[in-house]
């Protein structure tokens, strides 16, 4: 049986969330340095200091609730980490998904990210901006 969980202490698979920095030449702002990060609707009720914590929790919950271990990957015992990054555009939509890893696993990681809801866009100096976000998703069979 295949399991997926955010609780590695229980012997299940895990997800680790991390932000990535990008060069300024792409004209996106890294989520780690932006003044007002993109937000899920559920995070808007919190004070600004809690926005990143809420954002990360919502991403983890989204991945957990939409995760399906690829059948062929399980059959051939394919495991590994997919590094995925994407842009949250000026309208809060997910665009430019880029992933690196085994194709069967990257297909699933990209599918999950495409299911993210539209977010409240990030802002820098009062203007909406594109924001780059990246994370690794680890696929592990039990």
N, C-alpha and C. Protein backbone atom coordinates (compact mmCIF):
# COMPACT_ATOMS: atom_id res chain seq x y z
N UNK A 1 0.84 -1.17 0.00
CA UNK A 1 0.00 0.00 0.00
C UNK A 1 0.90 1.24 0.00
N UNK A 2 0.47 2.28 -0.67
CA UNK A 2 1.22 3.53 -0.76
C UNK A 2 0.60 4.56 0.16
N UNK A 3 1.45 5.26 0.88
CA UNK A 3 0.98 6.30 1.79
C UNK A 3 1.59 7.62 1.42
N UNK A 4 0.90 8.68 1.77
CA UNK A 4 1.43 10.02 1.59
C UNK A 4 1.04 10.81 2.83
N UNK A 5 2.00 11.45 3.41
CA UNK A 5 1.70 12.20 4.62
C UNK A 5 2.70 13.31 4.81
N UNK A 6 2.34 14.27 5.62
CA UNK A 6 3.26 15.35 6.00
C UNK A 6 3.93 15.02 7.33
N UNK A 7 3.76 13.81 7.81
CA UNK A 7 4.25 13.43 9.12
C UNK A 7 5.33 12.35 9.00
N UNK A 8 6.59 12.74 8.73
CA UNK A 8 7.64 11.75 8.50
C UNK A 8 7.92 10.87 9.72
N UNK A 9 7.58 11.31 10.92
CA UNK A 9 7.84 10.51 12.11
C UNK A 9 7.01 9.23 12.15
N UNK A 10 5.98 9.16 11.32
CA UNK A 10 5.14 7.98 11.29
C UNK A 10 5.54 7.02 10.17
N UNK A 11 6.67 7.27 9.52
CA UNK A 11 7.16 6.36 8.49
C UNK A 11 6.53 6.54 7.13
N UNK A 12 5.80 7.62 6.92
CA UNK A 12 5.18 7.86 5.63
C UNK A 12 6.07 8.75 4.78
N UNK A 13 5.61 9.03 3.57
CA UNK A 13 6.30 9.97 2.70
C UNK A 13 6.23 11.36 3.30
N UNK A 14 7.01 12.26 2.77
CA UNK A 14 7.00 13.61 3.31
C UNK A 14 7.10 14.64 2.21
N UNK A 15 6.69 15.83 2.55
CA UNK A 15 6.83 16.99 1.69
C UNK A 15 7.66 17.99 2.45
N UNK A 16 8.60 18.59 1.78
CA UNK A 16 9.34 19.67 2.38
C UNK A 16 9.09 20.90 1.54
N UNK A 17 8.80 22.01 2.20
CA UNK A 17 8.50 23.24 1.51
C UNK A 17 9.67 24.19 1.68
N UNK A 18 10.11 24.80 0.60
CA UNK A 18 11.15 25.81 0.71
C UNK A 18 10.95 26.83 -0.39
N UNK A 19 11.39 28.04 -0.10
CA UNK A 19 11.29 29.08 -1.12
C UNK A 19 12.56 29.07 -1.94
N UNK A 20 12.48 29.62 -3.14
CA UNK A 20 13.65 29.71 -3.99
C UNK A 20 13.86 31.15 -4.38
N UNK A 21 15.10 31.54 -4.49
CA UNK A 21 15.41 32.88 -4.97
C UNK A 21 15.60 32.83 -6.47
N UNK A 22 15.24 33.91 -7.13
CA UNK A 22 15.40 33.98 -8.57
C UNK A 22 16.14 35.25 -8.92
N UNK A 23 16.68 35.30 -10.11
CA UNK A 23 17.39 36.50 -10.53
C UNK A 23 16.41 37.60 -10.89
N UNK A 24 16.82 38.83 -10.71
CA UNK A 24 15.93 39.96 -10.99
C UNK A 24 15.70 40.15 -12.48
N UNK A 25 16.51 39.54 -13.32
CA UNK A 25 16.34 39.71 -14.76
C UNK A 25 15.03 39.12 -15.27
N UNK A 26 14.45 38.16 -14.53
CA UNK A 26 13.18 37.57 -14.93
C UNK A 26 11.98 38.43 -14.56
N UNK A 27 12.21 39.46 -13.80
CA UNK A 27 11.18 40.41 -13.38
C UNK A 27 10.10 39.77 -12.53
N UNK A 28 10.42 38.66 -11.88
CA UNK A 28 9.55 38.10 -10.86
C UNK A 28 10.22 38.39 -9.53
N UNK A 29 9.44 38.41 -8.50
CA UNK A 29 9.97 38.64 -7.16
C UNK A 29 9.91 37.32 -6.42
N UNK A 30 10.96 36.99 -5.69
CA UNK A 30 10.97 35.77 -4.90
C UNK A 30 10.02 35.93 -3.72
N UNK A 31 9.33 34.88 -3.40
CA UNK A 31 8.39 34.93 -2.28
C UNK A 31 9.11 35.19 -0.97
N UNK A 32 10.42 34.90 -0.92
CA UNK A 32 11.16 35.12 0.31
C UNK A 32 11.51 36.58 0.55
N UNK A 33 11.36 37.45 -0.45
CA UNK A 33 11.70 38.87 -0.27
C UNK A 33 10.57 39.83 -0.59
N UNK A 34 9.45 39.34 -1.01
CA UNK A 34 8.34 40.22 -1.41
C UNK A 34 7.70 40.87 -0.18
N UNK A 35 7.22 42.07 -0.36
CA UNK A 35 6.59 42.80 0.74
C UNK A 35 5.26 42.17 1.15
N UNK A 36 4.39 41.88 0.17
CA UNK A 36 3.09 41.27 0.44
C UNK A 36 2.98 40.01 -0.41
N UNK A 37 3.10 38.85 0.24
CA UNK A 37 3.09 37.59 -0.50
C UNK A 37 1.71 37.30 -1.07
N UNK A 38 1.65 36.45 -2.11
CA UNK A 38 0.35 36.00 -2.60
C UNK A 38 -0.38 35.27 -1.46
N UNK A 39 -1.69 35.34 -1.46
CA UNK A 39 -2.44 34.74 -0.36
C UNK A 39 -3.59 33.86 -0.84
N UNK A 40 -3.79 32.78 -0.13
CA UNK A 40 -5.02 32.01 -0.24
C UNK A 40 -6.08 32.82 0.49
N UNK A 41 -7.33 32.69 0.09
CA UNK A 41 -8.42 33.42 0.75
C UNK A 41 -8.43 33.15 2.25
N UNK A 42 -8.14 31.91 2.63
CA UNK A 42 -8.16 31.53 4.04
C UNK A 42 -7.10 32.24 4.87
N UNK A 43 -6.06 32.76 4.22
CA UNK A 43 -4.96 33.42 4.93
C UNK A 43 -5.17 34.91 5.13
N UNK A 44 -6.12 35.49 4.42
CA UNK A 44 -6.33 36.93 4.48
C UNK A 44 -6.75 37.40 5.87
N UNK A 45 -7.35 36.53 6.67
CA UNK A 45 -7.84 36.91 7.99
C UNK A 45 -6.72 37.05 9.02
N UNK A 46 -5.53 36.54 8.71
CA UNK A 46 -4.42 36.60 9.64
C UNK A 46 -3.61 37.88 9.49
N UNK A 47 -2.89 38.22 10.55
CA UNK A 47 -1.99 39.37 10.49
C UNK A 47 -0.86 39.06 9.51
N UNK A 48 -0.27 40.10 8.98
CA UNK A 48 0.78 39.96 7.95
C UNK A 48 1.91 39.03 8.39
N UNK A 49 2.26 39.06 9.67
CA UNK A 49 3.36 38.23 10.18
C UNK A 49 3.07 36.74 10.04
N UNK A 50 1.81 36.37 9.94
CA UNK A 50 1.40 34.96 9.84
C UNK A 50 1.11 34.53 8.40
N UNK A 51 1.21 35.45 7.44
CA UNK A 51 0.85 35.13 6.06
C UNK A 51 1.71 34.01 5.47
N UNK A 52 3.03 34.07 5.66
CA UNK A 52 3.90 33.04 5.07
C UNK A 52 3.63 31.68 5.70
N UNK A 53 3.44 31.65 6.99
CA UNK A 53 3.13 30.39 7.67
C UNK A 53 1.82 29.80 7.13
N UNK A 54 0.81 30.64 6.98
CA UNK A 54 -0.48 30.20 6.45
C UNK A 54 -0.32 29.73 5.00
N UNK A 55 0.42 30.50 4.18
CA UNK A 55 0.63 30.14 2.79
C UNK A 55 1.25 28.75 2.69
N UNK A 56 2.32 28.52 3.45
CA UNK A 56 3.00 27.23 3.41
C UNK A 56 2.08 26.10 3.87
N UNK A 57 1.29 26.35 4.90
CA UNK A 57 0.36 25.34 5.39
C UNK A 57 -0.71 25.03 4.34
N UNK A 58 -1.20 26.04 3.67
CA UNK A 58 -2.21 25.82 2.64
C UNK A 58 -1.64 25.05 1.45
N UNK A 59 -0.40 25.35 1.07
CA UNK A 59 0.26 24.58 0.00
C UNK A 59 0.38 23.12 0.41
N UNK A 60 0.84 22.87 1.63
CA UNK A 60 0.99 21.49 2.11
C UNK A 60 -0.35 20.77 2.13
N UNK A 61 -1.38 21.44 2.63
CA UNK A 61 -2.71 20.82 2.67
C UNK A 61 -3.23 20.52 1.27
N UNK A 62 -2.97 21.43 0.34
CA UNK A 62 -3.40 21.23 -1.04
C UNK A 62 -2.71 20.00 -1.63
N UNK A 63 -1.42 19.90 -1.44
CA UNK A 63 -0.68 18.76 -1.98
C UNK A 63 -1.18 17.46 -1.35
N UNK A 64 -1.33 17.48 -0.04
CA UNK A 64 -1.79 16.29 0.67
C UNK A 64 -3.16 15.83 0.18
N UNK A 65 -4.08 16.76 0.01
CA UNK A 65 -5.44 16.38 -0.37
C UNK A 65 -5.58 16.02 -1.85
N UNK A 66 -4.62 16.40 -2.68
CA UNK A 66 -4.72 16.11 -4.13
C UNK A 66 -3.71 15.07 -4.60
N UNK A 67 -2.90 14.54 -3.70
CA UNK A 67 -1.82 13.63 -4.04
C UNK A 67 -2.34 12.25 -4.42
N UNK A 68 -1.87 11.74 -5.55
CA UNK A 68 -2.12 10.36 -5.97
C UNK A 68 -0.79 9.80 -6.48
N UNK A 69 -0.28 8.78 -5.81
CA UNK A 69 0.98 8.20 -6.28
C UNK A 69 0.72 7.60 -7.66
N UNK A 70 1.52 7.96 -8.66
CA UNK A 70 1.30 7.42 -10.01
C UNK A 70 1.37 5.89 -10.02
N UNK A 71 0.38 5.27 -10.62
CA UNK A 71 0.26 3.81 -10.62
C UNK A 71 1.50 3.15 -11.23
N UNK A 72 1.95 3.64 -12.38
CA UNK A 72 3.14 3.04 -13.01
C UNK A 72 4.39 3.25 -12.16
N UNK A 73 4.49 4.41 -11.52
CA UNK A 73 5.64 4.66 -10.66
C UNK A 73 5.64 3.68 -9.49
N UNK A 74 4.48 3.43 -8.93
CA UNK A 74 4.38 2.46 -7.83
C UNK A 74 4.70 1.05 -8.33
N UNK A 75 4.17 0.70 -9.49
CA UNK A 75 4.40 -0.63 -10.05
C UNK A 75 5.89 -0.90 -10.25
N UNK A 76 6.62 0.10 -10.73
CA UNK A 76 8.05 -0.07 -10.99
C UNK A 76 8.92 0.47 -9.85
N UNK A 77 8.27 0.73 -8.70
CA UNK A 77 8.95 1.19 -7.49
C UNK A 77 9.82 2.42 -7.74
N UNK A 78 9.28 3.36 -8.49
CA UNK A 78 9.98 4.61 -8.77
C UNK A 78 9.69 5.59 -7.64
N UNK A 79 10.76 6.08 -7.05
CA UNK A 79 10.67 7.04 -5.96
C UNK A 79 11.62 8.19 -6.26
N UNK A 80 11.47 9.26 -5.53
CA UNK A 80 12.41 10.37 -5.72
C UNK A 80 11.78 11.69 -5.37
N UNK A 81 12.54 12.72 -5.59
CA UNK A 81 12.10 14.08 -5.29
C UNK A 81 11.92 14.84 -6.59
N UNK A 82 10.82 15.55 -6.67
CA UNK A 82 10.56 16.44 -7.80
C UNK A 82 10.74 17.87 -7.28
N UNK A 83 11.65 18.59 -7.89
CA UNK A 83 11.79 20.02 -7.60
C UNK A 83 10.91 20.77 -8.57
N UNK A 84 9.99 21.53 -8.03
CA UNK A 84 9.01 22.21 -8.87
C UNK A 84 8.97 23.68 -8.50
N UNK A 85 8.88 24.51 -9.53
CA UNK A 85 8.72 25.94 -9.28
C UNK A 85 7.69 26.47 -10.26
N UNK A 86 7.07 27.56 -9.85
CA UNK A 86 6.02 28.14 -10.66
C UNK A 86 5.89 29.61 -10.33
N UNK A 87 5.18 30.29 -11.19
CA UNK A 87 4.94 31.72 -10.99
C UNK A 87 3.49 31.93 -10.62
N UNK A 88 3.28 32.77 -9.63
CA UNK A 88 1.95 33.25 -9.30
C UNK A 88 1.89 34.62 -9.96
N UNK A 89 1.09 34.74 -11.03
CA UNK A 89 1.13 35.95 -11.84
C UNK A 89 0.41 37.13 -11.17
N UNK A 90 0.34 38.24 -11.89
CA UNK A 90 -0.24 39.47 -11.35
C UNK A 90 -1.73 39.36 -11.07
N UNK A 91 -2.35 38.31 -11.56
CA UNK A 91 -3.77 38.08 -11.30
C UNK A 91 -3.97 36.97 -10.27
N UNK A 92 -2.87 36.40 -9.78
CA UNK A 92 -2.96 35.33 -8.79
C UNK A 92 -3.10 33.95 -9.38
N UNK A 93 -2.90 33.83 -10.70
CA UNK A 93 -3.00 32.53 -11.37
C UNK A 93 -1.65 31.85 -11.40
N UNK A 94 -1.68 30.52 -11.39
CA UNK A 94 -0.45 29.71 -11.44
C UNK A 94 -0.03 29.55 -12.90
N UNK A 95 1.21 29.94 -13.20
CA UNK A 95 1.73 29.85 -14.56
C UNK A 95 3.16 29.33 -14.54
N UNK A 96 3.69 29.06 -15.71
CA UNK A 96 5.10 28.72 -15.91
C UNK A 96 5.60 27.65 -14.93
N UNK A 97 4.91 26.54 -14.88
CA UNK A 97 5.31 25.43 -14.00
C UNK A 97 6.51 24.73 -14.62
N UNK A 98 7.56 24.61 -13.84
CA UNK A 98 8.78 23.92 -14.28
C UNK A 98 9.12 22.89 -13.21
N UNK A 99 9.41 21.65 -13.64
CA UNK A 99 9.74 20.62 -12.67
C UNK A 99 10.93 19.81 -13.15
N UNK A 100 11.60 19.22 -12.18
CA UNK A 100 12.77 18.39 -12.48
C UNK A 100 12.68 17.12 -11.64
N UNK A 101 12.78 15.99 -12.30
CA UNK A 101 12.70 14.70 -11.63
C UNK A 101 12.26 13.65 -12.63
N UNK A 102 11.95 12.45 -12.14
CA UNK A 102 11.47 11.38 -13.01
C UNK A 102 10.15 11.81 -13.64
N UNK A 103 9.96 11.54 -14.92
CA UNK A 103 8.79 12.02 -15.67
C UNK A 103 7.46 11.60 -15.04
N UNK A 104 7.35 10.36 -14.59
CA UNK A 104 6.09 9.92 -13.98
C UNK A 104 5.78 10.73 -12.72
N UNK A 105 6.82 11.07 -11.98
CA UNK A 105 6.63 11.84 -10.75
C UNK A 105 6.40 13.32 -11.05
N UNK A 106 7.10 13.86 -12.04
CA UNK A 106 6.90 15.27 -12.37
C UNK A 106 5.50 15.51 -12.93
N UNK A 107 4.97 14.54 -13.67
CA UNK A 107 3.60 14.68 -14.19
C UNK A 107 2.61 14.85 -13.04
N UNK A 108 2.77 14.05 -11.99
CA UNK A 108 1.87 14.14 -10.84
C UNK A 108 2.08 15.45 -10.07
N UNK A 109 3.32 15.84 -9.88
CA UNK A 109 3.61 17.09 -9.17
C UNK A 109 3.01 18.29 -9.92
N UNK A 110 3.17 18.31 -11.22
CA UNK A 110 2.62 19.41 -12.02
C UNK A 110 1.09 19.40 -12.00
N UNK A 111 0.50 18.22 -12.02
CA UNK A 111 -0.96 18.12 -11.96
C UNK A 111 -1.48 18.74 -10.66
N UNK A 112 -0.83 18.43 -9.57
CA UNK A 112 -1.24 18.97 -8.27
C UNK A 112 -1.12 20.49 -8.26
N UNK A 113 -0.02 21.02 -8.77
CA UNK A 113 0.18 22.47 -8.76
C UNK A 113 -0.84 23.17 -9.67
N UNK A 114 -1.16 22.55 -10.80
CA UNK A 114 -2.18 23.15 -11.69
C UNK A 114 -3.54 23.25 -11.02
N UNK A 115 -3.80 22.45 -10.00
CA UNK A 115 -5.07 22.47 -9.29
C UNK A 115 -5.16 23.57 -8.22
N UNK A 116 -4.07 24.27 -7.99
CA UNK A 116 -4.11 25.34 -6.99
C UNK A 116 -5.16 26.38 -7.38
N UNK A 117 -5.87 26.92 -6.40
CA UNK A 117 -6.87 27.94 -6.72
C UNK A 117 -6.19 29.26 -7.08
N UNK A 118 -6.95 30.15 -7.66
CA UNK A 118 -6.43 31.49 -7.91
C UNK A 118 -6.20 32.16 -6.56
N UNK A 119 -5.07 32.84 -6.43
CA UNK A 119 -4.68 33.47 -5.19
C UNK A 119 -4.81 34.98 -5.28
N UNK A 120 -4.78 35.63 -4.15
CA UNK A 120 -4.65 37.08 -4.13
C UNK A 120 -3.21 37.35 -4.54
N UNK A 121 -2.96 38.16 -5.58
CA UNK A 121 -1.59 38.35 -6.06
C UNK A 121 -0.68 39.04 -5.05
N UNK A 122 0.61 38.80 -5.22
CA UNK A 122 1.60 39.45 -4.37
C UNK A 122 1.81 40.90 -4.78
N UNK A 123 2.31 41.68 -3.83
CA UNK A 123 2.56 43.09 -4.12
C UNK A 123 3.95 43.50 -3.65
N UNK A 124 4.56 44.37 -4.43
CA UNK A 124 5.84 44.96 -4.10
C UNK A 124 5.70 46.46 -4.31
N UNK A 125 5.96 47.23 -3.28
CA UNK A 125 5.80 48.70 -3.32
C UNK A 125 4.40 49.10 -3.79
N UNK A 126 3.39 48.35 -3.35
CA UNK A 126 2.01 48.68 -3.66
C UNK A 126 1.50 48.21 -5.01
N UNK A 127 2.36 47.63 -5.84
CA UNK A 127 1.95 47.17 -7.17
C UNK A 127 1.97 45.65 -7.22
N UNK A 128 0.97 45.09 -7.93
CA UNK A 128 0.96 43.64 -8.07
C UNK A 128 2.14 43.20 -8.94
N UNK A 129 2.73 42.07 -8.57
CA UNK A 129 3.90 41.55 -9.27
C UNK A 129 3.78 40.05 -9.43
N UNK A 130 4.56 39.52 -10.37
CA UNK A 130 4.69 38.07 -10.51
C UNK A 130 5.58 37.59 -9.37
N UNK A 131 5.24 36.43 -8.81
CA UNK A 131 6.02 35.88 -7.69
C UNK A 131 6.41 34.44 -8.02
N UNK A 132 7.70 34.14 -7.85
CA UNK A 132 8.21 32.79 -8.06
C UNK A 132 8.17 32.03 -6.74
N UNK A 133 7.68 30.79 -6.80
CA UNK A 133 7.66 29.93 -5.63
C UNK A 133 8.16 28.56 -6.05
N UNK A 134 8.96 27.94 -5.21
CA UNK A 134 9.49 26.61 -5.52
C UNK A 134 9.48 25.73 -4.30
N UNK A 135 9.36 24.43 -4.55
CA UNK A 135 9.38 23.47 -3.46
C UNK A 135 9.75 22.09 -3.99
N UNK A 136 10.33 21.27 -3.13
CA UNK A 136 10.53 19.86 -3.51
C UNK A 136 9.35 19.05 -3.00
N UNK A 137 8.94 18.06 -3.79
CA UNK A 137 7.92 17.11 -3.36
C UNK A 137 8.57 15.73 -3.43
N UNK A 138 8.61 15.04 -2.30
CA UNK A 138 9.25 13.75 -2.23
C UNK A 138 8.22 12.63 -2.38
N UNK A 139 8.47 11.74 -3.30
CA UNK A 139 7.63 10.56 -3.55
C UNK A 139 8.36 9.36 -2.97
N UNK A 140 7.72 8.70 -2.03
CA UNK A 140 8.36 7.55 -1.40
C UNK A 140 7.32 6.47 -1.16
N UNK A 141 7.65 5.26 -1.59
CA UNK A 141 6.76 4.12 -1.37
C UNK A 141 7.01 3.54 0.00
N UNK A 142 5.97 3.05 0.61
CA UNK A 142 6.09 2.41 1.92
C UNK A 142 6.27 0.93 1.72
